[in-house]
Amino acid sequence: MEQPQEANHTERIKSQVLAKIGKPPRLYRVQVSRHHGGNYRVNIWQQPESDKNIAVTIGPRIGLSYYLTVSDKGEIINSNPPLTKLGTSA
């Protein structure tokens, strides 16, 4: 007998996170990885500001990272750290 698969809510989670925090400066990509029991890790990759005084190009880095608990329908229930609007302190 085949086991029922958990729904993949990657796109829904991406849009919820960006709606709650806003678009980060120099956004490169949003990476969502599913873990066990309705938990997801979301990494926000950002391109560093270029420094015209150095000859080395620095690649994208994780600027923000969240560990989320998500419902069966893909709604974010909890976030560690909390999802707060960028540029504000909570």
PDB file of N, CA and C in Angstrom:
ATOM      1  N   MET A   1       0.841  -1.168   0.000  1.00  0.00           N
ATOM      2  CA  MET A   1       0.000   0.000   0.000  1.00  0.00           C
ATOM      3  C   MET A   1       0.898   1.247   0.000  1.00  0.00           C
ATOM      4  N   GLU A   2       0.536   2.230  -0.819  1.00  0.00           N
ATOM      5  CA  GLU A   2       1.329   3.440  -0.964  1.00  0.00           C
ATOM      6  C   GLU A   2       1.034   4.436   0.157  1.00  0.00           C
ATOM      7  N   GLN A   3       2.084   5.028   0.704  1.00  0.00           N
ATOM      8  CA  GLN A   3       1.940   6.029   1.763  1.00  0.00           C
ATOM      9  C   GLN A   3       1.473   7.353   1.152  1.00  0.00           C
ATOM     10  N   PRO A   4       0.540   8.066   1.802  1.00  0.00           N
ATOM     11  CA  PRO A   4       0.160   9.380   1.280  1.00  0.00           C
ATOM     12  C   PRO A   4       1.314  10.357   1.438  1.00  0.00           C
ATOM     13  N   GLN A   5       1.568  11.155   0.405  1.00  0.00           N
ATOM     14  CA  GLN A   5       2.653  12.117   0.455  1.00  0.00           C
ATOM     15  C   GLN A   5       2.169  13.425   1.054  1.00  0.00           C
ATOM     16  N   GLU A   6       3.077  14.082   1.781  1.00  0.00           N
ATOM     17  CA  GLU A   6       2.771  15.414   2.297  1.00  0.00           C
ATOM     18  C   GLU A   6       2.735  16.370   1.109  1.00  0.00           C
ATOM     19  N   ALA A   7       1.818  17.315   1.155  1.00  0.00           N
ATOM     20  CA  ALA A   7       1.750  18.313   0.097  1.00  0.00           C
ATOM     21  C   ALA A   7       2.980  19.207   0.159  1.00  0.00           C
ATOM     22  N   ASN A   8       3.451  19.622  -1.007  1.00  0.00           N
ATOM     23  CA  ASN A   8       4.592  20.521  -1.071  1.00  0.00           C
ATOM     24  C   ASN A   8       4.063  21.941  -1.236  1.00  0.00           C
ATOM     25  N   HIS A   9       4.277  22.764  -0.251  1.00  0.00           N
ATOM     26  CA  HIS A   9       3.746  24.126  -0.233  1.00  0.00           C
ATOM     27  C   HIS A   9       4.822  25.169  -0.504  1.00  0.00           C
ATOM     28  N   THR A  10       5.858  24.816  -1.243  1.00  0.00           N
ATOM     29  CA  THR A  10       7.016  25.680  -1.442  1.00  0.00           C
ATOM     30  C   THR A  10       6.635  27.068  -1.950  1.00  0.00           C
ATOM     31  N   GLU A  11       5.895  27.151  -3.028  1.00  0.00           N
ATOM     32  CA  GLU A  11       5.558  28.456  -3.613  1.00  0.00           C
ATOM     33  C   GLU A  11       4.671  29.270  -2.674  1.00  0.00           C
ATOM     34  N   ARG A  12       3.749  28.617  -2.035  1.00  0.00           N
ATOM     35  CA  ARG A  12       2.854  29.311  -1.099  1.00  0.00           C
ATOM     36  C   ARG A  12       3.648  29.879   0.079  1.00  0.00           C
ATOM     37  N   ILE A  13       4.602  29.098   0.591  1.00  0.00           N
ATOM     38  CA  ILE A  13       5.438  29.551   1.701  1.00  0.00           C
ATOM     39  C   ILE A  13       6.289  30.738   1.269  1.00  0.00           C
ATOM     40  N   LYS A  14       6.900  30.671   0.078  1.00  0.00           N
ATOM     41  CA  LYS A  14       7.709  31.786  -0.433  1.00  0.00           C
ATOM     42  C   LYS A  14       6.898  33.073  -0.461  1.00  0.00           C
ATOM     43  N   SER A  15       5.699  32.994  -1.013  1.00  0.00           N
ATOM     44  CA  SER A  15       4.899  34.210  -1.147  1.00  0.00           C
ATOM     45  C   SER A  15       4.463  34.745   0.214  1.00  0.00           C
ATOM     46  N   GLN A  16       4.152  33.861   1.162  1.00  0.00           N
ATOM     47  CA  GLN A  16       3.773  34.319   2.510  1.00  0.00           C
ATOM     48  C   GLN A  16       4.942  35.001   3.217  1.00  0.00           C
ATOM     49  N   VAL A  17       6.120  34.413   3.117  1.00  0.00           N
ATOM     50  CA  VAL A  17       7.301  34.986   3.778  1.00  0.00           C
ATOM     51  C   VAL A  17       7.590  36.372   3.208  1.00  0.00           C
ATOM     52  N   LEU A  18       7.620  36.489   1.876  1.00  0.00           N
ATOM     53  CA  LEU A  18       7.921  37.784   1.264  1.00  0.00           C
ATOM     54  C   LEU A  18       6.826  38.810   1.556  1.00  0.00           C
ATOM     55  N   ALA A  19       5.574  38.371   1.660  1.00  0.00           N
ATOM     56  CA  ALA A  19       4.485  39.287   1.999  1.00  0.00           C
ATOM     57  C   ALA A  19       4.649  39.824   3.425  1.00  0.00           C
ATOM     58  N   LYS A  20       5.157  38.985   4.322  1.00  0.00           N
ATOM     59  CA  LYS A  20       5.302  39.404   5.719  1.00  0.00           C
ATOM     60  C   LYS A  20       6.550  40.243   5.968  1.00  0.00           C
ATOM     61  N   ILE A  21       7.656  39.927   5.288  1.00  0.00           N
ATOM     62  CA  ILE A  21       8.897  40.660   5.564  1.00  0.00           C
ATOM     63  C   ILE A  21       9.182  41.762   4.548  1.00  0.00           C
ATOM     64  N   GLY A  22       8.552  41.709   3.379  1.00  0.00           N
ATOM     65  CA  GLY A  22       8.863  42.645   2.308  1.00  0.00           C
ATOM     66  C   GLY A  22       9.987  42.085   1.451  1.00  0.00           C
ATOM     67  N   LYS A  23      10.289  42.752   0.347  1.00  0.00           N
ATOM     68  CA  LYS A  23      11.356  42.272  -0.541  1.00  0.00           C
ATOM     69  C   LYS A  23      12.708  42.756  -0.021  1.00  0.00           C
ATOM     70  N   PRO A  24      13.584  41.811   0.331  1.00  0.00           N
ATOM     71  CA  PRO A  24      14.908  42.198   0.830  1.00  0.00           C
ATOM     72  C   PRO A  24      15.732  42.893  -0.258  1.00  0.00           C
ATOM     73  N   PRO A  25      16.619  43.801   0.128  1.00  0.00           N
ATOM     74  CA  PRO A  25      17.496  44.434  -0.861  1.00  0.00           C
ATOM     75  C   PRO A  25      18.425  43.389  -1.482  1.00  0.00           C
ATOM     76  N   ARG A  26      18.664  43.530  -2.760  1.00  0.00           N
ATOM     77  CA  ARG A  26      19.570  42.644  -3.516  1.00  0.00           C
ATOM     78  C   ARG A  26      19.152  41.175  -3.430  1.00  0.00           C
ATOM     79  N   LEU A  27      17.834  40.936  -3.427  1.00  0.00           N
ATOM     80  CA  LEU A  27      17.314  39.565  -3.352  1.00  0.00           C
ATOM     81  C   LEU A  27      17.846  38.745  -4.519  1.00  0.00           C
ATOM     82  N   TYR A  28      18.408  37.592  -4.218  1.00  0.00           N
ATOM     83  CA  TYR A  28      18.921  36.684  -5.241  1.00  0.00           C
ATOM     84  C   TYR A  28      17.937  35.543  -5.468  1.00  0.00           C
ATOM     85  N   ARG A  29      17.533  34.891  -4.376  1.00  0.00           N
ATOM     86  CA  ARG A  29      16.526  33.828  -4.456  1.00  0.00           C
ATOM     87  C   ARG A  29      16.010  33.479  -3.068  1.00  0.00           C
ATOM     88  N   VAL A  30      14.855  32.818  -3.055  1.00  0.00           N
ATOM     89  CA  VAL A  30      14.271  32.313  -1.815  1.00  0.00           C
ATOM     90  C   VAL A  30      14.276  30.791  -1.921  1.00  0.00           C
ATOM     91  N   GLN A  31      14.922  30.137  -0.984  1.00  0.00           N
ATOM     92  CA  GLN A  31      15.041  28.677  -0.980  1.00  0.00           C
ATOM     93  C   GLN A  31      14.200  28.119   0.156  1.00  0.00           C
ATOM     94  N   VAL A  32      13.287  27.203  -0.189  1.00  0.00           N
ATOM     95  CA  VAL A  32      12.427  26.567   0.811  1.00  0.00           C
ATOM     96  C   VAL A  32      12.727  25.080   0.801  1.00  0.00           C
ATOM     97  N   SER A  33      13.061  24.533   1.966  1.00  0.00           N
ATOM     98  CA  SER A  33      13.290  23.090   2.045  1.00  0.00           C
ATOM     99  C   SER A  33      12.387  22.501   3.126  1.00  0.00           C
ATOM    100  N   ARG A  34      11.771  21.393   2.769  1.00  0.00           N
ATOM    101  CA  ARG A  34      10.828  20.748   3.680  1.00  0.00           C
ATOM    102  C   ARG A  34      11.574  19.807   4.621  1.00  0.00           C
ATOM    103  N   HIS A  35      11.196  19.870   5.875  1.00  0.00           N
ATOM    104  CA  HIS A  35      11.740  18.979   6.894  1.00  0.00           C
ATOM    105  C   HIS A  35      10.597  18.107   7.407  1.00  0.00           C
ATOM    106  N   HIS A  36      10.760  17.446   8.492  1.00  0.00           N
ATOM    107  CA  HIS A  36       9.751  16.533   9.035  1.00  0.00           C
ATOM    108  C   HIS A  36       8.621  17.273   9.739  1.00  0.00           C
ATOM    109  N   GLY A  37       7.467  16.662   9.820  1.00  0.00           N
ATOM    110  CA  GLY A  37       6.366  17.122  10.653  1.00  0.00           C
ATOM    111  C   GLY A  37       5.839  18.515  10.366  1.00  0.00           C
ATOM    112  N   GLY A  38       5.746  18.921   9.104  1.00  0.00           N
ATOM    113  CA  GLY A  38       5.208  20.230   8.777  1.00  0.00           C
ATOM    114  C   GLY A  38       6.171  21.370   9.016  1.00  0.00           C
ATOM    115  N   ASN A  39       7.456  21.082   9.129  1.00  0.00           N
ATOM    116  CA  ASN A  39       8.464  22.106   9.344  1.00  0.00           C
ATOM    117  C   ASN A  39       9.229  22.384   8.059  1.00  0.00           C
ATOM    118  N   TYR A  40       9.569  23.640   7.864  1.00  0.00           N
ATOM    119  CA  TYR A  40      10.308  24.066   6.673  1.00  0.00           C
ATOM    120  C   TYR A  40      11.422  25.008   7.088  1.00  0.00           C
ATOM    121  N   ARG A  41      12.495  25.000   6.333  1.00  0.00           N
ATOM    122  CA  ARG A  41      13.578  25.975   6.480  1.00  0.00           C
ATOM    123  C   ARG A  41      13.481  26.884   5.257  1.00  0.00           C
ATOM    124  N   VAL A  42      13.504  28.199   5.499  1.00  0.00           N
ATOM    125  CA  VAL A  42      13.483  29.171   4.410  1.00  0.00           C
ATOM    126  C   VAL A  42      14.751  30.002   4.504  1.00  0.00           C
ATOM    127  N   ASN A  43      15.540  29.981   3.444  1.00  0.00           N
ATOM    128  CA  ASN A  43      16.757  30.783   3.367  1.00  0.00           C
ATOM    129  C   ASN A  43      16.559  31.862   2.309  1.00  0.00           C
ATOM    130  N   ILE A  44      16.825  33.104   2.682  1.00  0.00           N
ATOM    131  CA  ILE A  44      16.738  34.232   1.765  1.00  0.00           C
ATOM    132  C   ILE A  44      18.166  34.558   1.328  1.00  0.00           C
ATOM    133  N   TRP A  45      18.465  34.291   0.055  1.00  0.00           N
ATOM    134  CA  TRP A  45      19.796  34.544  -0.485  1.00  0.00           C
ATOM    135  C   TRP A  45      19.841  35.959  -1.048  1.00  0.00           C
ATOM    136  N   GLN A  46      20.917  36.679  -0.713  1.00  0.00           N
ATOM    137  CA  GLN A  46      21.085  38.039  -1.185  1.00  0.00           C
ATOM    138  C   GLN A  46      22.449  38.194  -1.847  1.00  0.00           C
ATOM    139  N   GLN A  47      22.478  39.017  -2.890  1.00  0.00           N
ATOM    140  CA  GLN A  47      23.727  39.334  -3.572  1.00  0.00           C
ATOM    141  C   GLN A  47      24.394  40.449  -2.789  1.00  0.00           C
ATOM    142  N   PRO A  48      25.642  40.270  -2.336  1.00  0.00           N
ATOM    143  CA  PRO A  48      26.318  41.336  -1.588  1.00  0.00           C
ATOM    144  C   PRO A  48      26.512  42.579  -2.465  1.00  0.00           C
ATOM    145  N   GLU A  49      26.622  43.724  -1.817  1.00  0.00           N
ATOM    146  CA  GLU A  49      26.909  44.947  -2.564  1.00  0.00           C
ATOM    147  C   GLU A  49      28.303  44.829  -3.153  1.00  0.00           C
ATOM    148  N   SER A  50      28.442  45.285  -4.389  1.00  0.00           N
ATOM    149  CA  SER A  50      29.752  45.191  -5.023  1.00  0.00           C
ATOM    150  C   SER A  50      30.704  46.225  -4.424  1.00  0.00           C
ATOM    151  N   ASP A  51      31.931  45.807  -4.284  1.00  0.00           N
ATOM    152  CA  ASP A  51      32.982  46.688  -3.785  1.00  0.00           C
ATOM    153  C   ASP A  51      33.932  46.921  -4.947  1.00  0.00           C
ATOM    154  N   LYS A  52      33.899  48.109  -5.476  1.00  0.00           N
ATOM    155  CA  LYS A  52      34.694  48.407  -6.670  1.00  0.00           C
ATOM    156  C   LYS A  52      36.192  48.471  -6.378  1.00  0.00           C
ATOM    157  N   ASN A  53      36.570  48.367  -5.095  1.00  0.00           N
ATOM    158  CA  ASN A  53      37.981  48.429  -4.730  1.00  0.00           C
ATOM    159  C   ASN A  53      38.650  47.060  -4.710  1.00  0.00           C
ATOM    160  N   ILE A  54      37.868  45.985  -4.929  1.00  0.00           N
ATOM    161  CA  ILE A  54      38.481  44.652  -4.945  1.00  0.00           C
ATOM    162  C   ILE A  54      38.200  43.973  -6.288  1.00  0.00           C
ATOM    163  N   ALA A  55      39.084  43.094  -6.674  1.00  0.00           N
ATOM    164  CA  ALA A  55      38.965  42.424  -7.962  1.00  0.00           C
ATOM    165  C   ALA A  55      38.204  41.104  -7.869  1.00  0.00           C
ATOM    166  N   VAL A  56      37.859  40.696  -6.669  1.00  0.00           N
ATOM    167  CA  VAL A  56      37.184  39.414  -6.473  1.00  0.00           C
ATOM    168  C   VAL A  56      35.678  39.643  -6.426  1.00  0.00           C
ATOM    169  N   THR A  57      34.945  38.809  -7.151  1.00  0.00           N
ATOM    170  CA  THR A  57      33.490  38.882  -7.111  1.00  0.00           C
ATOM    171  C   THR A  57      32.991  37.968  -6.009  1.00  0.00           C
ATOM    172  N   ILE A  58      32.149  38.497  -5.141  1.00  0.00           N
ATOM    173  CA  ILE A  58      31.602  37.719  -4.037  1.00  0.00           C
ATOM    174  C   ILE A  58      30.229  37.209  -4.458  1.00  0.00           C
ATOM    175  N   GLY A  59      30.003  35.925  -4.263  1.00  0.00           N
ATOM    176  CA  GLY A  59      28.745  35.307  -4.650  1.00  0.00           C
ATOM    177  C   GLY A  59      27.637  35.557  -3.641  1.00  0.00           C
ATOM    178  N   PRO A  60      26.422  35.154  -4.002  1.00  0.00           N
ATOM    179  CA  PRO A  60      25.277  35.330  -3.100  1.00  0.00           C
ATOM    180  C   PRO A  60      25.484  34.600  -1.775  1.00  0.00           C
ATOM    181  N   ARG A  61      24.881  35.154  -0.725  1.00  0.00           N
ATOM    182  CA  ARG A  61      24.969  34.568   0.613  1.00  0.00           C
ATOM    183  C   ARG A  61      23.602  34.572   1.258  1.00  0.00           C
ATOM    184  N   ILE A  62      23.432  33.703   2.252  1.00  0.00           N
ATOM    185  CA  ILE A  62      22.176  33.678   2.998  1.00  0.00           C
ATOM    186  C   ILE A  62      22.164  34.910   3.900  1.00  0.00           C
ATOM    187  N   GLY A  63      21.191  35.786   3.657  1.00  0.00           N
ATOM    188  CA  GLY A  63      21.062  36.996   4.452  1.00  0.00           C
ATOM    189  C   GLY A  63      20.080  36.824   5.596  1.00  0.00           C
ATOM    190  N   LEU A  64      19.042  36.008   5.363  1.00  0.00           N
ATOM    191  CA  LEU A  64      18.018  35.759   6.374  1.00  0.00           C
ATOM    192  C   LEU A  64      17.661  34.282   6.332  1.00  0.00           C
ATOM    193  N   SER A  65      17.294  33.722   7.466  1.00  0.00           N
ATOM    194  CA  SER A  65      16.921  32.320   7.533  1.00  0.00           C
ATOM    195  C   SER A  65      15.838  32.141   8.586  1.00  0.00           C
ATOM    196  N   TYR A  66      14.839  31.323   8.251  1.00  0.00           N
ATOM    197  CA  TYR A  66      13.713  31.092   9.154  1.00  0.00           C
ATOM    198  C   TYR A  66      13.405  29.599   9.224  1.00  0.00           C
ATOM    199  N   TYR A  67      12.993  29.145  10.381  1.00  0.00           N
ATOM    200  CA  TYR A  67      12.509  27.784  10.568  1.00  0.00           C
ATOM    201  C   TYR A  67      11.020  27.901  10.835  1.00  0.00           C
ATOM    202  N   LEU A  68      10.206  27.310   9.963  1.00  0.00           N
ATOM    203  CA  LEU A  68       8.756  27.497  10.010  1.00  0.00           C
ATOM    204  C   LEU A  68       8.008  26.217  10.346  1.00  0.00           C
ATOM    205  N   THR A  69       6.912  26.388  11.058  1.00  0.00           N
ATOM    206  CA  THR A  69       5.922  25.329  11.219  1.00  0.00           C
ATOM    207  C   THR A  69       4.769  25.728  10.314  1.00  0.00           C
ATOM    208  N   VAL A  70       4.316  24.777   9.483  1.00  0.00           N
ATOM    209  CA  VAL A  70       3.309  25.063   8.464  1.00  0.00           C
ATOM    210  C   VAL A  70       2.150  24.092   8.607  1.00  0.00           C
ATOM    211  N   SER A  71       0.923  24.590   8.407  1.00  0.00           N
ATOM    212  CA  SER A  71      -0.267  23.735   8.490  1.00  0.00           C
ATOM    213  C   SER A  71      -0.347  22.814   7.274  1.00  0.00           C
ATOM    214  N   ASP A  72      -1.277  21.875   7.320  1.00  0.00           N
ATOM    215  CA  ASP A  72      -1.489  20.953   6.198  1.00  0.00           C
ATOM    216  C   ASP A  72      -1.899  21.689   4.929  1.00  0.00           C
ATOM    217  N   LYS A  73      -2.447  22.893   5.097  1.00  0.00           N
ATOM    218  CA  LYS A  73      -2.888  23.690   3.945  1.00  0.00           C
ATOM    219  C   LYS A  73      -1.822  24.667   3.459  1.00  0.00           C
ATOM    220  N   GLY A  74      -0.674  24.675   4.124  1.00  0.00           N
ATOM    221  CA  GLY A  74       0.425  25.537   3.691  1.00  0.00           C
ATOM    222  C   GLY A  74       0.475  26.894   4.348  1.00  0.00           C
ATOM    223  N   GLU A  75      -0.329  27.106   5.387  1.00  0.00           N
ATOM    224  CA  GLU A  75      -0.305  28.379   6.110  1.00  0.00           C
ATOM    225  C   GLU A  75       0.783  28.346   7.181  1.00  0.00           C
ATOM    226  N   ILE A  76       1.533  29.431   7.281  1.00  0.00           N
ATOM    227  CA  ILE A  76       2.579  29.520   8.294  1.00  0.00           C
ATOM    228  C   ILE A  76       1.927  29.675   9.666  1.00  0.00           C
ATOM    229  N   ILE A  77       2.267  28.766  10.576  1.00  0.00           N
ATOM    230  CA  ILE A  77       1.732  28.779  11.939  1.00  0.00           C
ATOM    231  C   ILE A  77       2.703  29.484  12.880  1.00  0.00           C
ATOM    232  N   ASN A  78       3.994  29.187  12.717  1.00  0.00           N
ATOM    233  CA  ASN A  78       5.007  29.730  13.617  1.00  0.00           C
ATOM    234  C   ASN A  78       6.310  29.918  12.854  1.00  0.00           C
ATOM    235  N   SER A  79       7.094  30.896  13.275  1.00  0.00           N
ATOM    236  CA  SER A  79       8.382  31.165  12.651  1.00  0.00           C
ATOM    237  C   SER A  79       9.416  31.459  13.725  1.00  0.00           C
ATOM    238  N   ASN A  80      10.601  30.912  13.540  1.00  0.00           N
ATOM    239  CA  ASN A  80      11.718  31.179  14.425  1.00  0.00           C
ATOM    240  C   ASN A  80      12.907  31.565  13.551  1.00  0.00           C
ATOM    241  N   PRO A  81      13.386  32.786  13.610  1.00  0.00           N
ATOM    242  CA  PRO A  81      12.873  33.933  14.342  1.00  0.00           C
ATOM    243  C   PRO A  81      11.550  34.414  13.739  1.00  0.00           C
ATOM    244  N   PRO A  82      10.846  35.284  14.447  1.00  0.00           N
ATOM    245  CA  PRO A  82       9.564  35.781  13.943  1.00  0.00           C
ATOM    246  C   PRO A  82       9.729  36.517  12.606  1.00  0.00           C
ATOM    247  N   LEU A  83       8.718  36.401  11.763  1.00  0.00           N
ATOM    248  CA  LEU A  83       8.701  37.114  10.486  1.00  0.00           C
ATOM    249  C   LEU A  83       8.269  38.564  10.740  1.00  0.00           C
ATOM    250  N   THR A  84       9.203  39.477  10.656  1.00  0.00           N
ATOM    251  CA  THR A  84       8.888  40.893  10.856  1.00  0.00           C
ATOM    252  C   THR A  84       9.273  41.671   9.605  1.00  0.00           C
ATOM    253  N   LYS A  85       8.564  42.747   9.375  1.00  0.00           N
ATOM    254  CA  LYS A  85       8.822  43.603   8.215  1.00  0.00           C
ATOM    255  C   LYS A  85      10.251  44.092   8.274  1.00  0.00           C
ATOM    256  N   LEU A  86      10.964  44.011   7.143  1.00  0.00           N
ATOM    257  CA  LEU A  86      12.341  44.494   7.097  1.00  0.00           C
ATOM    258  C   LEU A  86      12.375  45.991   7.326  1.00  0.00           C
ATOM    259  N   GLY A  87      13.356  46.443   8.064  1.00  0.00           N
ATOM    260  CA  GLY A  87      13.505  47.855   8.353  1.00  0.00           C
ATOM    261  C   GLY A  87      12.766  48.295   9.602  1.00  0.00           C
ATOM    262  N   THR A  88      12.097  47.348  10.273  1.00  0.00           N
ATOM    263  CA  THR A  88      11.411  47.671  11.531  1.00  0.00           C
ATOM    264  C   THR A  88      11.949  46.778  12.612  1.00  0.00           C
ATOM    265  N   SER A  89      11.918  47.235  13.825  1.00  0.00           N
ATOM    266  CA  SER A  89      12.327  46.385  14.934  1.00  0.00           C
ATOM    267  C   SER A  89      11.079  45.999  15.724  1.00  0.00           C
ATOM    268  N   ALA A  90      10.990  44.731  16.082  1.00  0.00           N
ATOM    269  CA  ALA A  90       9.790  44.245  16.778  1.00  0.00           C
ATOM    270  C   ALA A  90      10.054  44.070  18.247  1.00  0.00           C
TER     271      ALA A  90
END
